Amino acid sequence: MKKYKLTVGLNDKNTECQEVTTSTAKSILANILLNDFEIYAFTITECEGCYKMQSTGNIVFEKSIRIEIASDTDIDYKAIINSIKSALNQESVMVEITNNANIEFI
């Protein structure tokens, strides 16, 4: 089984400020996963992040959302990330992939 961990900062890439509320962002992310990619089991956690903007070099602290997905098949995580970046106007999304994760649903 693979585990995909996506961390999405909520600051807009142009304004470097949060333009969408955290609860709205969670709804947008859930909609993308559930409806666009048919990912039916995942965890969403609020967290804080620090990021150096590639475009300006500014360091920003931001509310972030972490999504964890466990899957026994490969998922198109790059397409998911592109959808997230477009929907929330993000410069980037951090992804961590763990192969051969020991995950069980009991």
PDB file of N, CA and C in Angstrom:
ATOM      1  N   MET A   1       0.846  -1.170   0.000  1.00  0.00           N
ATOM      2  CA  MET A   1       0.000   0.000   0.000  1.00  0.00           C
ATOM      3  C   MET A   1       0.896   1.239   0.000  1.00  0.00           C
ATOM      4  N   LYS A   2       0.453   2.297  -0.677  1.00  0.00           N
ATOM      5  CA  LYS A   2       1.175   3.562  -0.693  1.00  0.00           C
ATOM      6  C   LYS A   2       0.435   4.580   0.150  1.00  0.00           C
ATOM      7  N   LYS A   3       1.212   5.466   0.750  1.00  0.00           N
ATOM      8  CA  LYS A   3       0.636   6.579   1.492  1.00  0.00           C
ATOM      9  C   LYS A   3       1.121   7.867   0.841  1.00  0.00           C
ATOM     10  N   TYR A   4       0.165   8.721   0.506  1.00  0.00           N
ATOM     11  CA  TYR A   4       0.459  10.018  -0.083  1.00  0.00           C
ATOM     12  C   TYR A   4       0.104  11.088   0.948  1.00  0.00           C
ATOM     13  N   LYS A   5       1.041  11.972   1.213  1.00  0.00           N
ATOM     14  CA  LYS A   5       0.798  13.059   2.149  1.00  0.00           C
ATOM     15  C   LYS A   5       1.012  14.369   1.392  1.00  0.00           C
ATOM     16  N   LEU A   6      -0.063  15.133   1.243  1.00  0.00           N
ATOM     17  CA  LEU A   6      -0.004  16.419   0.555  1.00  0.00           C
ATOM     18  C   LEU A   6      -0.164  17.527   1.591  1.00  0.00           C
ATOM     19  N   THR A   7       0.680  18.534   1.528  1.00  0.00           N
ATOM     20  CA  THR A   7       0.543  19.685   2.411  1.00  0.00           C
ATOM     21  C   THR A   7       0.311  20.912   1.544  1.00  0.00           C
ATOM     22  N   VAL A   8      -0.828  21.561   1.798  1.00  0.00           N
ATOM     23  CA  VAL A   8      -1.278  22.683   0.983  1.00  0.00           C
ATOM     24  C   VAL A   8      -1.291  23.941   1.847  1.00  0.00           C
ATOM     25  N   GLY A   9      -0.445  24.902   1.525  1.00  0.00           N
ATOM     26  CA  GLY A   9      -0.502  26.197   2.197  1.00  0.00           C
ATOM     27  C   GLY A   9      -1.712  26.959   1.702  1.00  0.00           C
ATOM     28  N   LEU A  10      -2.244  27.816   2.531  1.00  0.00           N
ATOM     29  CA  LEU A  10      -3.469  28.519   2.156  1.00  0.00           C
ATOM     30  C   LEU A  10      -3.258  29.975   1.745  1.00  0.00           C
ATOM     31  N   ASN A  11      -2.010  30.441   1.751  1.00  0.00           N
ATOM     32  CA  ASN A  11      -1.773  31.797   1.265  1.00  0.00           C
ATOM     33  C   ASN A  11      -1.828  31.811  -0.258  1.00  0.00           C
ATOM     34  N   ASP A  12      -2.516  32.781  -0.805  1.00  0.00           N
ATOM     35  CA  ASP A  12      -2.609  32.978  -2.247  1.00  0.00           C
ATOM     36  C   ASP A  12      -1.219  33.302  -2.804  1.00  0.00           C
ATOM     37  N   LYS A  13      -0.880  32.733  -3.964  1.00  0.00           N
ATOM     38  CA  LYS A  13       0.464  32.931  -4.513  1.00  0.00           C
ATOM     39  C   LYS A  13       0.700  34.363  -4.967  1.00  0.00           C
ATOM     40  N   ASN A  14      -0.351  35.115  -5.267  1.00  0.00           N
ATOM     41  CA  ASN A  14      -0.177  36.493  -5.730  1.00  0.00           C
ATOM     42  C   ASN A  14      -0.144  37.498  -4.580  1.00  0.00           C
ATOM     43  N   THR A  15      -1.052  37.344  -3.626  1.00  0.00           N
ATOM     44  CA  THR A  15      -1.143  38.306  -2.530  1.00  0.00           C
ATOM     45  C   THR A  15      -0.303  37.904  -1.325  1.00  0.00           C
ATOM     46  N   GLU A  16       0.100  36.638  -1.269  1.00  0.00           N
ATOM     47  CA  GLU A  16       0.857  36.070  -0.148  1.00  0.00           C
ATOM     48  C   GLU A  16       0.076  36.159   1.165  1.00  0.00           C
ATOM     49  N   CYS A  17      -1.233  36.254   1.060  1.00  0.00           N
ATOM     50  CA  CYS A  17      -2.142  36.270   2.209  1.00  0.00           C
ATOM     51  C   CYS A  17      -3.228  35.226   1.985  1.00  0.00           C
ATOM     52  N   GLN A  18      -3.857  34.795   3.062  1.00  0.00           N
ATOM     53  CA  GLN A  18      -4.934  33.823   2.941  1.00  0.00           C
ATOM     54  C   GLN A  18      -6.184  34.520   2.423  1.00  0.00           C
ATOM     55  N   GLU A  19      -6.658  34.101   1.252  1.00  0.00           N
ATOM     56  CA  GLU A  19      -7.822  34.707   0.610  1.00  0.00           C
ATOM     57  C   GLU A  19      -9.071  33.851   0.762  1.00  0.00           C
ATOM     58  N   VAL A  20      -8.913  32.560   1.058  1.00  0.00           N
ATOM     59  CA  VAL A  20     -10.017  31.614   1.206  1.00  0.00           C
ATOM     60  C   VAL A  20      -9.984  31.108   2.648  1.00  0.00           C
ATOM     61  N   THR A  21     -11.143  31.074   3.306  1.00  0.00           N
ATOM     62  CA  THR A  21     -11.161  30.592   4.687  1.00  0.00           C
ATOM     63  C   THR A  21     -10.709  29.130   4.734  1.00  0.00           C
ATOM     64  N   THR A  22     -10.228  28.730   5.883  1.00  0.00           N
ATOM     65  CA  THR A  22      -9.760  27.360   6.052  1.00  0.00           C
ATOM     66  C   THR A  22     -10.889  26.367   5.825  1.00  0.00           C
ATOM     67  N   SER A  23     -12.077  26.655   6.338  1.00  0.00           N
ATOM     68  CA  SER A  23     -13.199  25.726   6.155  1.00  0.00           C
ATOM     69  C   SER A  23     -13.611  25.639   4.688  1.00  0.00           C
ATOM     70  N   THR A  24     -13.573  26.747   3.973  1.00  0.00           N
ATOM     71  CA  THR A  24     -13.885  26.711   2.536  1.00  0.00           C
ATOM     72  C   THR A  24     -12.820  25.920   1.786  1.00  0.00           C
ATOM     73  N   ALA A  25     -11.554  26.121   2.149  1.00  0.00           N
ATOM     74  CA  ALA A  25     -10.472  25.378   1.497  1.00  0.00           C
ATOM     75  C   ALA A  25     -10.631  23.879   1.724  1.00  0.00           C
ATOM     76  N   LYS A  26     -11.004  23.481   2.936  1.00  0.00           N
ATOM     77  CA  LYS A  26     -11.240  22.052   3.207  1.00  0.00           C
ATOM     78  C   LYS A  26     -12.336  21.504   2.310  1.00  0.00           C
ATOM     79  N   SER A  27     -13.404  22.255   2.149  1.00  0.00           N
ATOM     80  CA  SER A  27     -14.505  21.821   1.280  1.00  0.00           C
ATOM     81  C   SER A  27     -14.050  21.701  -0.168  1.00  0.00           C
ATOM     82  N   ILE A  28     -13.265  22.657  -0.628  1.00  0.00           N
ATOM     83  CA  ILE A  28     -12.738  22.606  -1.994  1.00  0.00           C
ATOM     84  C   ILE A  28     -11.862  21.377  -2.178  1.00  0.00           C
ATOM     85  N   LEU A  29     -10.975  21.132  -1.220  1.00  0.00           N
ATOM     86  CA  LEU A  29     -10.081  19.978  -1.314  1.00  0.00           C
ATOM     87  C   LEU A  29     -10.856  18.666  -1.288  1.00  0.00           C
ATOM     88  N   ALA A  30     -11.830  18.557  -0.397  1.00  0.00           N
ATOM     89  CA  ALA A  30     -12.643  17.338  -0.328  1.00  0.00           C
ATOM     90  C   ALA A  30     -13.391  17.124  -1.632  1.00  0.00           C
ATOM     91  N   ASN A  31     -13.929  18.186  -2.200  1.00  0.00           N
ATOM     92  CA  ASN A  31     -14.653  18.079  -3.467  1.00  0.00           C
ATOM     93  C   ASN A  31     -13.738  17.590  -4.588  1.00  0.00           C
ATOM     94  N   ILE A  32     -12.530  18.129  -4.652  1.00  0.00           N
ATOM     95  CA  ILE A  32     -11.575  17.687  -5.677  1.00  0.00           C
ATOM     96  C   ILE A  32     -11.288  16.199  -5.525  1.00  0.00           C
ATOM     97  N   LEU A  33     -10.986  15.765  -4.301  1.00  0.00           N
ATOM     98  CA  LEU A  33     -10.641  14.360  -4.080  1.00  0.00           C
ATOM     99  C   LEU A  33     -11.825  13.431  -4.330  1.00  0.00           C
ATOM    100  N   LEU A  34     -12.974  13.780  -3.760  1.00  0.00           N
ATOM    101  CA  LEU A  34     -14.147  12.904  -3.858  1.00  0.00           C
ATOM    102  C   LEU A  34     -14.752  12.873  -5.259  1.00  0.00           C
ATOM    103  N   ASN A  35     -14.941  14.031  -5.844  1.00  0.00           N
ATOM    104  CA  ASN A  35     -15.691  14.107  -7.100  1.00  0.00           C
ATOM    105  C   ASN A  35     -14.831  14.060  -8.350  1.00  0.00           C
ATOM    106  N   ASP A  36     -13.665  14.690  -8.313  1.00  0.00           N
ATOM    107  CA  ASP A  36     -12.833  14.723  -9.520  1.00  0.00           C
ATOM    108  C   ASP A  36     -11.925  13.507  -9.647  1.00  0.00           C
ATOM    109  N   PHE A  37     -11.511  12.945  -8.502  1.00  0.00           N
ATOM    110  CA  PHE A  37     -10.538  11.847  -8.543  1.00  0.00           C
ATOM    111  C   PHE A  37     -11.026  10.565  -7.873  1.00  0.00           C
ATOM    112  N   GLU A  38     -12.244  10.577  -7.363  1.00  0.00           N
ATOM    113  CA  GLU A  38     -12.859   9.403  -6.739  1.00  0.00           C
ATOM    114  C   GLU A  38     -11.972   8.789  -5.658  1.00  0.00           C
ATOM    115  N   ILE A  39     -11.368   9.649  -4.839  1.00  0.00           N
ATOM    116  CA  ILE A  39     -10.619   9.213  -3.659  1.00  0.00           C
ATOM    117  C   ILE A  39     -11.627   9.257  -2.513  1.00  0.00           C
ATOM    118  N   TYR A  40     -12.009   8.110  -1.979  1.00  0.00           N
ATOM    119  CA  TYR A  40     -13.118   8.051  -1.034  1.00  0.00           C
ATOM    120  C   TYR A  40     -12.702   7.908   0.427  1.00  0.00           C
ATOM    121  N   ALA A  41     -11.409   7.833   0.694  1.00  0.00           N
ATOM    122  CA  ALA A  41     -10.952   7.745   2.085  1.00  0.00           C
ATOM    123  C   ALA A  41      -9.663   8.550   2.213  1.00  0.00           C
ATOM    124  N   PHE A  42      -9.693   9.552   3.068  1.00  0.00           N
ATOM    125  CA  PHE A  42      -8.517  10.382   3.299  1.00  0.00           C
ATOM    126  C   PHE A  42      -8.696  11.118   4.617  1.00  0.00           C
ATOM    127  N   THR A  43      -7.608  11.655   5.109  1.00  0.00           N
ATOM    128  CA  THR A  43      -7.622  12.436   6.342  1.00  0.00           C
ATOM    129  C   THR A  43      -7.205  13.862   6.010  1.00  0.00           C
ATOM    130  N   ILE A  44      -7.921  14.826   6.578  1.00  0.00           N
ATOM    131  CA  ILE A  44      -7.574  16.239   6.430  1.00  0.00           C
ATOM    132  C   ILE A  44      -7.259  16.790   7.814  1.00  0.00           C
ATOM    133  N   THR A  45      -6.087  17.415   7.937  1.00  0.00           N
ATOM    134  CA  THR A  45      -5.652  17.986   9.207  1.00  0.00           C
ATOM    135  C   THR A  45      -5.195  19.425   8.987  1.00  0.00           C
ATOM    136  N   GLU A  46      -5.592  20.318   9.879  1.00  0.00           N
ATOM    137  CA  GLU A  46      -5.106  21.692   9.825  1.00  0.00           C
ATOM    138  C   GLU A  46      -3.727  21.748  10.479  1.00  0.00           C
ATOM    139  N   CYS A  47      -2.834  22.548   9.905  1.00  0.00           N
ATOM    140  CA  CYS A  47      -1.500  22.716  10.458  1.00  0.00           C
ATOM    141  C   CYS A  47      -0.981  24.103  10.089  1.00  0.00           C
ATOM    142  N   GLU A  48       0.218  24.415  10.540  1.00  0.00           N
ATOM    143  CA  GLU A  48       0.862  25.683  10.213  1.00  0.00           C
ATOM    144  C   GLU A  48       2.098  25.389   9.375  1.00  0.00           C
ATOM    145  N   GLY A  49       2.388  26.264   8.427  1.00  0.00           N
ATOM    146  CA  GLY A  49       3.552  26.060   7.589  1.00  0.00           C
ATOM    147  C   GLY A  49       4.365  27.328   7.432  1.00  0.00           C
ATOM    148  N   CYS A  50       5.584  27.167   6.985  1.00  0.00           N
ATOM    149  CA  CYS A  50       6.474  28.269   6.646  1.00  0.00           C
ATOM    150  C   CYS A  50       7.012  27.966   5.252  1.00  0.00           C
ATOM    151  N   TYR A  51       7.037  28.971   4.394  1.00  0.00           N
ATOM    152  CA  TYR A  51       7.381  28.739   2.997  1.00  0.00           C
ATOM    153  C   TYR A  51       8.113  29.955   2.442  1.00  0.00           C
ATOM    154  N   LYS A  52       9.172  29.717   1.685  1.00  0.00           N
ATOM    155  CA  LYS A  52       9.853  30.797   0.977  1.00  0.00           C
ATOM    156  C   LYS A  52       9.300  30.847  -0.442  1.00  0.00           C
ATOM    157  N   MET A  53       8.636  31.938  -0.767  1.00  0.00           N
ATOM    158  CA  MET A  53       7.991  32.081  -2.073  1.00  0.00           C
ATOM    159  C   MET A  53       9.048  32.002  -3.177  1.00  0.00           C
ATOM    160  N   GLN A  54       8.811  31.131  -4.150  1.00  0.00           N
ATOM    161  CA  GLN A  54       9.728  31.005  -5.274  1.00  0.00           C
ATOM    162  C   GLN A  54       9.699  32.272  -6.123  1.00  0.00           C
ATOM    163  N   SER A  55       8.523  32.887  -6.217  1.00  0.00           N
ATOM    164  CA  SER A  55       8.354  34.039  -7.100  1.00  0.00           C
ATOM    165  C   SER A  55       8.976  35.314  -6.544  1.00  0.00           C
ATOM    166  N   THR A  56       8.934  35.512  -5.224  1.00  0.00           N
ATOM    167  CA  THR A  56       9.405  36.772  -4.641  1.00  0.00           C
ATOM    168  C   THR A  56      10.557  36.607  -3.660  1.00  0.00           C
ATOM    169  N   GLY A  57      10.764  35.394  -3.168  1.00  0.00           N
ATOM    170  CA  GLY A  57      11.776  35.166  -2.151  1.00  0.00           C
ATOM    171  C   GLY A  57      11.314  35.511  -0.746  1.00  0.00           C
ATOM    172  N   ASN A  58      10.076  36.012  -0.624  1.00  0.00           N
ATOM    173  CA  ASN A  58       9.536  36.346   0.695  1.00  0.00           C
ATOM    174  C   ASN A  58       9.273  35.079   1.496  1.00  0.00           C
ATOM    175  N   ILE A  59       9.500  35.150   2.795  1.00  0.00           N
ATOM    176  CA  ILE A  59       9.180  34.042   3.689  1.00  0.00           C
ATOM    177  C   ILE A  59       7.819  34.313   4.296  1.00  0.00           C
ATOM    178  N   VAL A  60       6.916  33.354   4.166  1.00  0.00           N
ATOM    179  CA  VAL A  60       5.557  33.514   4.691  1.00  0.00           C
ATOM    180  C   VAL A  60       5.248  32.387   5.672  1.00  0.00           C
ATOM    181  N   PHE A  61       4.511  32.732   6.693  1.00  0.00           N
ATOM    182  CA  PHE A  61       3.946  31.756   7.612  1.00  0.00           C
ATOM    183  C   PHE A  61       2.477  31.663   7.245  1.00  0.00           C
ATOM    184  N   GLU A  62       1.958  30.444   7.172  1.00  0.00           N
ATOM    185  CA  GLU A  62       0.592  30.305   6.689  1.00  0.00           C
ATOM    186  C   GLU A  62      -0.121  29.123   7.314  1.00  0.00           C
ATOM    187  N   LYS A  63      -1.448  29.277   7.410  1.00  0.00           N
ATOM    188  CA  LYS A  63      -2.265  28.126   7.757  1.00  0.00           C
ATOM    189  C   LYS A  63      -2.166  27.166   6.588  1.00  0.00           C
ATOM    190  N   SER A  64      -2.131  25.894   6.915  1.00  0.00           N
ATOM    191  CA  SER A  64      -1.990  24.871   5.886  1.00  0.00           C
ATOM    192  C   SER A  64      -2.936  23.717   6.185  1.00  0.00           C
ATOM    193  N   ILE A  65      -3.151  22.897   5.180  1.00  0.00           N
ATOM    194  CA  ILE A  65      -3.978  21.701   5.321  1.00  0.00           C
ATOM    195  C   ILE A  65      -3.162  20.521   4.827  1.00  0.00           C
ATOM    196  N   ARG A  66      -3.113  19.475   5.642  1.00  0.00           N
ATOM    197  CA  ARG A  66      -2.428  18.246   5.260  1.00  0.00           C
ATOM    198  C   ARG A  66      -3.481  17.199   4.912  1.00  0.00           C
ATOM    199  N   ILE A  67      -3.277  16.554   3.788  1.00  0.00           N
ATOM    200  CA  ILE A  67      -4.165  15.488   3.318  1.00  0.00           C
ATOM    201  C   ILE A  67      -3.359  14.204   3.276  1.00  0.00           C
ATOM    202  N   GLU A  68      -3.875  13.152   3.897  1.00  0.00           N
ATOM    203  CA  GLU A  68      -3.215  11.851   3.855  1.00  0.00           C
ATOM    204  C   GLU A  68      -4.137  10.860   3.173  1.00  0.00           C
ATOM    205  N   ILE A  69      -3.594  10.184   2.176  1.00  0.00           N
ATOM    206  CA  ILE A  69      -4.354   9.215   1.386  1.00  0.00           C
ATOM    207  C   ILE A  69      -3.595   7.889   1.408  1.00  0.00           C
ATOM    208  N   ALA A  70      -4.273   6.816   1.746  1.00  0.00           N
ATOM    209  CA  ALA A  70      -3.699   5.472   1.663  1.00  0.00           C
ATOM    210  C   ALA A  70      -4.397   4.759   0.510  1.00  0.00           C
ATOM    211  N   SER A  71      -3.611   4.121  -0.350  1.00  0.00           N
ATOM    212  CA  SER A  71      -4.196   3.474  -1.518  1.00  0.00           C
ATOM    213  C   SER A  71      -3.393   2.231  -1.886  1.00  0.00           C
ATOM    214  N   ASP A  72      -4.108   1.181  -2.278  1.00  0.00           N
ATOM    215  CA  ASP A  72      -3.413  -0.027  -2.729  1.00  0.00           C
ATOM    216  C   ASP A  72      -3.140   0.030  -4.234  1.00  0.00           C
ATOM    217  N   THR A  73      -3.562   1.118  -4.884  1.00  0.00           N
ATOM    218  CA  THR A  73      -3.233   1.348  -6.294  1.00  0.00           C
ATOM    219  C   THR A  73      -2.589   2.724  -6.417  1.00  0.00           C
ATOM    220  N   ASP A  74      -1.822   2.918  -7.481  1.00  0.00           N
ATOM    221  CA  ASP A  74      -1.220   4.226  -7.716  1.00  0.00           C
ATOM    222  C   ASP A  74      -2.313   5.242  -8.003  1.00  0.00           C
ATOM    223  N   ILE A  75      -2.142   6.446  -7.469  1.00  0.00           N
ATOM    224  CA  ILE A  75      -3.076   7.518  -7.789  1.00  0.00           C
ATOM    225  C   ILE A  75      -2.313   8.573  -8.592  1.00  0.00           C
ATOM    226  N   ASP A  76      -3.040   9.341  -9.358  1.00  0.00           N
ATOM    227  CA  ASP A  76      -2.426  10.386 -10.178  1.00  0.00           C
ATOM    228  C   ASP A  76      -2.246  11.632  -9.320  1.00  0.00           C
ATOM    229  N   TYR A  77      -1.275  11.554  -8.415  1.00  0.00           N
ATOM    230  CA  TYR A  77      -1.084  12.641  -7.449  1.00  0.00           C
ATOM    231  C   TYR A  77      -0.681  13.947  -8.132  1.00  0.00           C
ATOM    232  N   LYS A  78       0.003  13.889  -9.269  1.00  0.00           N
ATOM    233  CA  LYS A  78       0.377  15.122  -9.970  1.00  0.00           C
ATOM    234  C   LYS A  78      -0.851  15.843 -10.513  1.00  0.00           C
ATOM    235  N   ALA A  79      -1.816  15.083 -11.016  1.00  0.00           N
ATOM    236  CA  ALA A  79      -3.064  15.699 -11.489  1.00  0.00           C
ATOM    237  C   ALA A  79      -3.852  16.288 -10.318  1.00  0.00           C
ATOM    238  N   ILE A  80      -3.860  15.577  -9.188  1.00  0.00           N
ATOM    239  CA  ILE A  80      -4.531  16.098  -7.987  1.00  0.00           C
ATOM    240  C   ILE A  80      -3.875  17.404  -7.559  1.00  0.00           C
ATOM    241  N   ILE A  81      -2.557  17.427  -7.523  1.00  0.00           N
ATOM    242  CA  ILE A  81      -1.835  18.631  -7.120  1.00  0.00           C
ATOM    243  C   ILE A  81      -2.121  19.782  -8.082  1.00  0.00           C
ATOM    244  N   ASN A  82      -2.131  19.514  -9.373  1.00  0.00           N
ATOM    245  CA  ASN A  82      -2.435  20.570 -10.338  1.00  0.00           C
ATOM    246  C   ASN A  82      -3.833  21.136 -10.132  1.00  0.00           C
ATOM    247  N   SER A  83      -4.800  20.282  -9.818  1.00  0.00           N
ATOM    248  CA  SER A  83      -6.155  20.753  -9.538  1.00  0.00           C
ATOM    249  C   SER A  83      -6.193  21.612  -8.285  1.00  0.00           C
ATOM    250  N   ILE A  84      -5.473  21.175  -7.251  1.00  0.00           N
ATOM    251  CA  ILE A  84      -5.415  21.939  -5.998  1.00  0.00           C
ATOM    252  C   ILE A  84      -4.758  23.298  -6.235  1.00  0.00           C
ATOM    253  N   LYS A  85      -3.639  23.304  -6.951  1.00  0.00           N
ATOM    254  CA  LYS A  85      -2.946  24.561  -7.218  1.00  0.00           C
ATOM    255  C   LYS A  85      -3.846  25.540  -7.969  1.00  0.00           C
ATOM    256  N   SER A  86      -4.582  25.033  -8.926  1.00  0.00           N
ATOM    257  CA  SER A  86      -5.484  25.884  -9.696  1.00  0.00           C
ATOM    258  C   SER A  86      -6.644  26.398  -8.838  1.00  0.00           C
ATOM    259  N   ALA A  87      -7.253  25.511  -8.067  1.00  0.00           N
ATOM    260  CA  ALA A  87      -8.428  25.876  -7.273  1.00  0.00           C
ATOM    261  C   ALA A  87      -8.108  26.873  -6.166  1.00  0.00           C
ATOM    262  N   LEU A  88      -6.914  26.750  -5.559  1.00  0.00           N
ATOM    263  CA  LEU A  88      -6.559  27.599  -4.429  1.00  0.00           C
ATOM    264  C   LEU A  88      -5.454  28.616  -4.758  1.00  0.00           C
ATOM    265  N   ASN A  89      -5.124  28.741  -6.050  1.00  0.00           N
ATOM    266  CA  ASN A  89      -4.109  29.686  -6.529  1.00  0.00           C
ATOM    267  C   ASN A  89      -2.800  29.543  -5.753  1.00  0.00           C
ATOM    268  N   GLN A  90      -2.258  28.329  -5.798  1.00  0.00           N
ATOM    269  CA  GLN A  90      -1.041  27.998  -5.067  1.00  0.00           C
ATOM    270  C   GLN A  90       0.166  27.944  -5.984  1.00  0.00           C
ATOM    271  N   GLU A  91       1.329  28.331  -5.437  1.00  0.00           N
ATOM    272  CA  GLU A  91       2.582  28.239  -6.166  1.00  0.00           C
ATOM    273  C   GLU A  91       3.071  26.793  -6.209  1.00  0.00           C
ATOM    274  N   SER A  92       2.875  26.067  -5.105  1.00  0.00           N
ATOM    275  CA  SER A  92       3.299  24.672  -5.044  1.00  0.00           C
ATOM    276  C   SER A  92       2.529  23.949  -3.942  1.00  0.00           C
ATOM    277  N   VAL A  93       2.594  22.627  -3.994  1.00  0.00           N
ATOM    278  CA  VAL A  93       2.026  21.758  -2.965  1.00  0.00           C
ATOM    279  C   VAL A  93       3.106  20.738  -2.625  1.00  0.00           C
ATOM    280  N   MET A  94       3.348  20.542  -1.341  1.00  0.00           N
ATOM    281  CA  MET A  94       4.361  19.562  -0.933  1.00  0.00           C
ATOM    282  C   MET A  94       3.736  18.163  -0.953  1.00  0.00           C
ATOM    283  N   VAL A  95       4.471  17.205  -1.490  1.00  0.00           N
ATOM    284  CA  VAL A  95       3.990  15.825  -1.512  1.00  0.00           C
ATOM    285  C   VAL A  95       5.064  14.909  -0.940  1.00  0.00           C
ATOM    286  N   GLU A  96       4.618  13.959  -0.140  1.00  0.00           N
ATOM    287  CA  GLU A  96       5.481  12.912   0.397  1.00  0.00           C
ATOM    288  C   GLU A  96       4.817  11.587   0.059  1.00  0.00           C
ATOM    289  N   ILE A  97       5.579  10.670  -0.510  1.00  0.00           N
ATOM    290  CA  ILE A  97       5.034   9.366  -0.894  1.00  0.00           C
ATOM    291  C   ILE A  97       5.812   8.289  -0.146  1.00  0.00           C
ATOM    292  N   THR A  98       5.075   7.433   0.551  1.00  0.00           N
ATOM    293  CA  THR A  98       5.679   6.304   1.255  1.00  0.00           C
ATOM    294  C   THR A  98       5.246   5.031   0.546  1.00  0.00           C
ATOM    295  N   ASN A  99       6.212   4.338  -0.030  1.00  0.00           N
ATOM    296  CA  ASN A  99       5.933   3.056  -0.676  1.00  0.00           C
ATOM    297  C   ASN A  99       5.925   1.955   0.371  1.00  0.00           C
ATOM    298  N   ASN A 100       5.173   0.914   0.123  1.00  0.00           N
ATOM    299  CA  ASN A 100       5.098  -0.249   1.014  1.00  0.00           C
ATOM    300  C   ASN A 100       4.758   0.143   2.443  1.00  0.00           C
ATOM    301  N   ALA A 101       3.825   1.083   2.592  1.00  0.00           N
ATOM    302  CA  ALA A 101       3.386   1.495   3.923  1.00  0.00           C
ATOM    303  C   ALA A 101       2.564   0.376   4.545  1.00  0.00           C
ATOM    304  N   ASN A 102       2.789   0.128   5.814  1.00  0.00           N
ATOM    305  CA  ASN A 102       2.022  -0.889   6.539  1.00  0.00           C
ATOM    306  C   ASN A 102       0.771  -0.242   7.099  1.00  0.00           C
ATOM    307  N   ILE A 103      -0.288  -0.231   6.283  1.00  0.00           N
ATOM    308  CA  ILE A 103      -1.540   0.434   6.645  1.00  0.00           C
ATOM    309  C   ILE A 103      -2.664  -0.586   6.552  1.00  0.00           C
ATOM    310  N   GLU A 104      -3.506  -0.610   7.584  1.00  0.00           N
ATOM    311  CA  GLU A 104      -4.661  -1.510   7.582  1.00  0.00           C
ATOM    312  C   GLU A 104      -5.904  -0.721   7.951  1.00  0.00           C
ATOM    313  N   PHE A 105      -7.019  -1.083   7.377  1.00  0.00           N
ATOM    314  CA  PHE A 105      -8.321  -0.567   7.786  1.00  0.00           C
ATOM    315  C   PHE A 105      -9.010  -1.713   8.535  1.00  0.00           C
ATOM    316  N   ILE A 106      -9.149  -1.567   9.833  1.00  0.00           N
ATOM    317  CA  ILE A 106      -9.697  -2.650  10.660  1.00  0.00           C
ATOM    318  C   ILE A 106     -11.051  -2.253  11.214  1.00  0.00           C
TER     319      ILE A 106
END
